C-alpha atoms as a PDB file:
ATOM      1  CA  MET A   1     -16.992 -17.934 -30.651  1.00  0.00           C
ATOM      2  CA  LYS A   2     -16.247 -14.363 -31.442  1.00  0.00           C
ATOM      3  CA  SER A   3     -19.924 -13.852 -28.766  1.00  0.00           C
ATOM      4  CA  ALA A   4     -18.198 -16.221 -26.011  1.00  0.00           C
ATOM      5  CA  ALA A   5     -14.519 -13.798 -26.328  1.00  0.00           C
ATOM      6  CA  ALA A   6     -16.652 -11.182 -25.866  1.00  0.00           C
ATOM      7  CA  LEU A   7     -19.024 -12.214 -23.569  1.00  0.00           C
ATOM      8  CA  LEU A   8     -15.589 -13.280 -22.037  1.00  0.00           C
ATOM      9  CA  LEU A   9     -14.103 -10.008 -22.519  1.00  0.00           C
ATOM     10  CA  LEU A  10     -17.165  -7.549 -20.916  1.00  0.00           C
ATOM     11  CA  LEU A  11     -17.788  -9.916 -18.005  1.00  0.00           C
ATOM     12  CA  GLY A  12     -13.367  -9.381 -17.005  1.00  0.00           C
ATOM     13  CA  GLY A  13     -14.406  -5.708 -17.304  1.00  0.00           C
ATOM     14  CA  ILE A  14     -17.426  -5.927 -14.810  1.00  0.00           C
ATOM     15  CA  ALA A  15     -15.506  -7.550 -12.270  1.00  0.00           C
ATOM     16  CA  MET A  16     -12.491  -5.357 -12.360  1.00  0.00           C
ATOM     17  CA  ALA A  17     -14.841  -1.495 -12.453  1.00  0.00           C
ATOM     18  CA  GLY A  18     -15.442  -2.048  -8.831  1.00  0.00           C
ATOM     19  CA  GLU A  19     -11.945  -2.083  -8.482  1.00  0.00           C
ATOM     20  CA  THR A  20      -9.520   0.283  -7.836  1.00  0.00           C
ATOM     21  CA  VAL A  21      -6.270   0.108  -9.974  1.00  0.00           C
ATOM     22  CA  GLU A  22      -2.855   3.037  -8.814  1.00  0.00           C
ATOM     23  CA  LEU A  23      -2.048   5.007 -11.692  1.00  0.00           C
ATOM     24  CA  ASP A  24       1.545   6.491 -11.623  1.00  0.00           C
ATOM     25  CA  ALA A  25       1.628  10.315 -11.477  1.00  0.00           C
ATOM     26  CA  PHE A  26       3.628  11.251 -14.159  1.00  0.00           C
ATOM     27  CA  SER A  27       2.358   9.616 -17.236  1.00  0.00           C
ATOM     28  CA  GLY A  28      -1.238   7.807 -16.313  1.00  0.00           C
ATOM     29  CA  LEU A  29      -0.186   4.440 -16.394  1.00  0.00           C
ATOM     30  CA  LYS A  30      -2.203   1.874 -14.583  1.00  0.00           C
ATOM     31  CA  LYS A  31       0.379   0.330 -12.747  1.00  0.00           C
ATOM     32  CA  THR A  32      -0.012  -3.340 -12.879  1.00  0.00           C
ATOM     33  CA  GLY A  33       1.903  -5.593 -14.538  1.00  0.00           C
ATOM     34  CA  ASP A  34       4.497  -3.908 -16.805  1.00  0.00           C
ATOM     35  CA  TRP A  35       3.414  -0.686 -16.729  1.00  0.00           C
ATOM     36  CA  GLU A  36       7.063   0.738 -15.507  1.00  0.00           C
ATOM     37  CA  LEU A  37       8.278  -1.391 -18.471  1.00  0.00           C
ATOM     38  CA  VAL A  38       5.901  -0.186 -20.888  1.00  0.00           C
ATOM     39  CA  ARG A  39       6.230   3.559 -19.323  1.00  0.00           C
ATOM     40  CA  ASN A  40      10.827   3.184 -20.242  1.00  0.00           C
ATOM     41  CA  ASN A  41      10.309   2.243 -23.849  1.00  0.00           C
ATOM     42  CA  CYS A  42       7.123   4.037 -25.059  1.00  0.00           C
ATOM     43  CA  ILE A  43       7.417   7.813 -23.483  1.00  0.00           C
ATOM     44  CA  ALA A  44      11.115   7.732 -24.564  1.00  0.00           C
ATOM     45  CA  CYS A  45       9.206   8.697 -27.942  1.00  0.00           C
ATOM     46  CA  HIS A  46       6.049  10.407 -27.058  1.00  0.00           C
ATOM     47  CA  SER A  47       3.777  10.951 -24.468  1.00  0.00           C
ATOM     48  CA  ALA A  48       1.761   9.096 -21.771  1.00  0.00           C
ATOM     49  CA  LYS A  49      -1.301  10.511 -23.583  1.00  0.00           C
ATOM     50  CA  LEU A  50      -0.980   8.913 -26.523  1.00  0.00           C
ATOM     51  CA  ILE A  51      -0.509   5.557 -25.114  1.00  0.00           C
ATOM     52  CA  THR A  52      -3.564   5.625 -22.756  1.00  0.00           C
ATOM     53  CA  GLN A  53      -6.319   7.370 -25.174  1.00  0.00           C
ATOM     54  CA  GLN A  54      -5.538   4.669 -27.331  1.00  0.00           C
ATOM     55  CA  ARG A  55      -7.912   0.918 -27.246  1.00  0.00           C
ATOM     56  CA  GLY A  56      -6.759  -2.202 -29.007  1.00  0.00           C
ATOM     57  CA  ASP A  57      -5.412  -5.775 -28.650  1.00  0.00           C
ATOM     58  CA  ALA A  58      -2.328  -7.008 -28.206  1.00  0.00           C
ATOM     59  CA  ALA A  59      -2.364  -7.678 -32.764  1.00  0.00           C
ATOM     60  CA  HIS A  60      -3.647  -4.187 -32.917  1.00  0.00           C
ATOM     61  CA  TRP A  61      -0.121  -2.920 -30.290  1.00  0.00           C
ATOM     62  CA  LEU A  62       2.061  -5.254 -32.253  1.00  0.00           C
ATOM     63  CA  GLY A  63       0.833  -3.557 -35.570  1.00  0.00           C
ATOM     64  CA  MET A  64       1.344  -0.376 -34.419  1.00  0.00           C
ATOM     65  CA  ILE A  65       4.938  -1.584 -33.075  1.00  0.00           C
ATOM     66  CA  ARG A  66       5.595  -2.431 -36.647  1.00  0.00           C
ATOM     67  CA  TRP A  67       4.575   0.084 -38.127  1.00  0.00           C
ATOM     68  CA  MET A  68       6.485   3.101 -35.411  1.00  0.00           C
ATOM     69  CA  GLN A  69       9.980   0.273 -36.307  1.00  0.00           C
ATOM     70  CA  GLU A  70       9.151   0.717 -40.185  1.00  0.00           C
ATOM     71  CA  LYS A  71       8.182   4.116 -40.239  1.00  0.00           C
ATOM     72  CA  GLN A  72       9.321   5.889 -37.091  1.00  0.00           C
ATOM     73  CA  ASN A  73      12.537   3.979 -36.668  1.00  0.00           C
ATOM     74  CA  LEU A  74      11.153   1.769 -33.340  1.00  0.00           C
ATOM     75  CA  TRP A  75      14.486   0.475 -32.150  1.00  0.00           C
ATOM     76  CA  GLN A  76      13.412  -3.437 -32.387  1.00  0.00           C
ATOM     77  CA  PHE A  77      13.172  -5.023 -28.852  1.00  0.00           C
ATOM     78  CA  ASP A  78      13.920  -8.404 -28.221  1.00  0.00           C
ATOM     79  CA  PRO A  79      11.374 -10.806 -28.373  1.00  0.00           C
ATOM     80  CA  GLU A  80      10.020 -11.625 -24.719  1.00  0.00           C
ATOM     81  CA  THR A  81      10.332  -7.150 -23.992  1.00  0.00           C
ATOM     82  CA  GLU A  82       7.874  -7.046 -27.231  1.00  0.00           C
ATOM     83  CA  GLN A  83       6.101  -9.675 -26.027  1.00  0.00           C
ATOM     84  CA  ARG A  84       5.427  -7.707 -22.564  1.00  0.00           C
ATOM     85  CA  ILE A  85       4.867  -4.719 -23.487  1.00  0.00           C
ATOM     86  CA  VAL A  86       1.775  -6.389 -26.061  1.00  0.00           C
ATOM     87  CA  ALA A  87       0.141  -8.064 -23.140  1.00  0.00           C
ATOM     88  CA  TYR A  88       0.662  -5.028 -20.557  1.00  0.00           C
END
């Protein structure tokens, strides 16, 4: 099952590789989906480069949010906002 999921992710990446996604000149974030929500919430405390150089799945990002909330005084997000940030 894991290998099938990995294959789907790989194939999705290959299909998207030919597409050009505009980057926000200020943050370097891909201008897709909820990029502005991520920019507005995440670079309030640290540089966008800290975001763009990271890789992880939704569980990883949710764990990072929880760590920042516990250790770095990150504010609580409403559930919808948090889900949209993690999904980006």
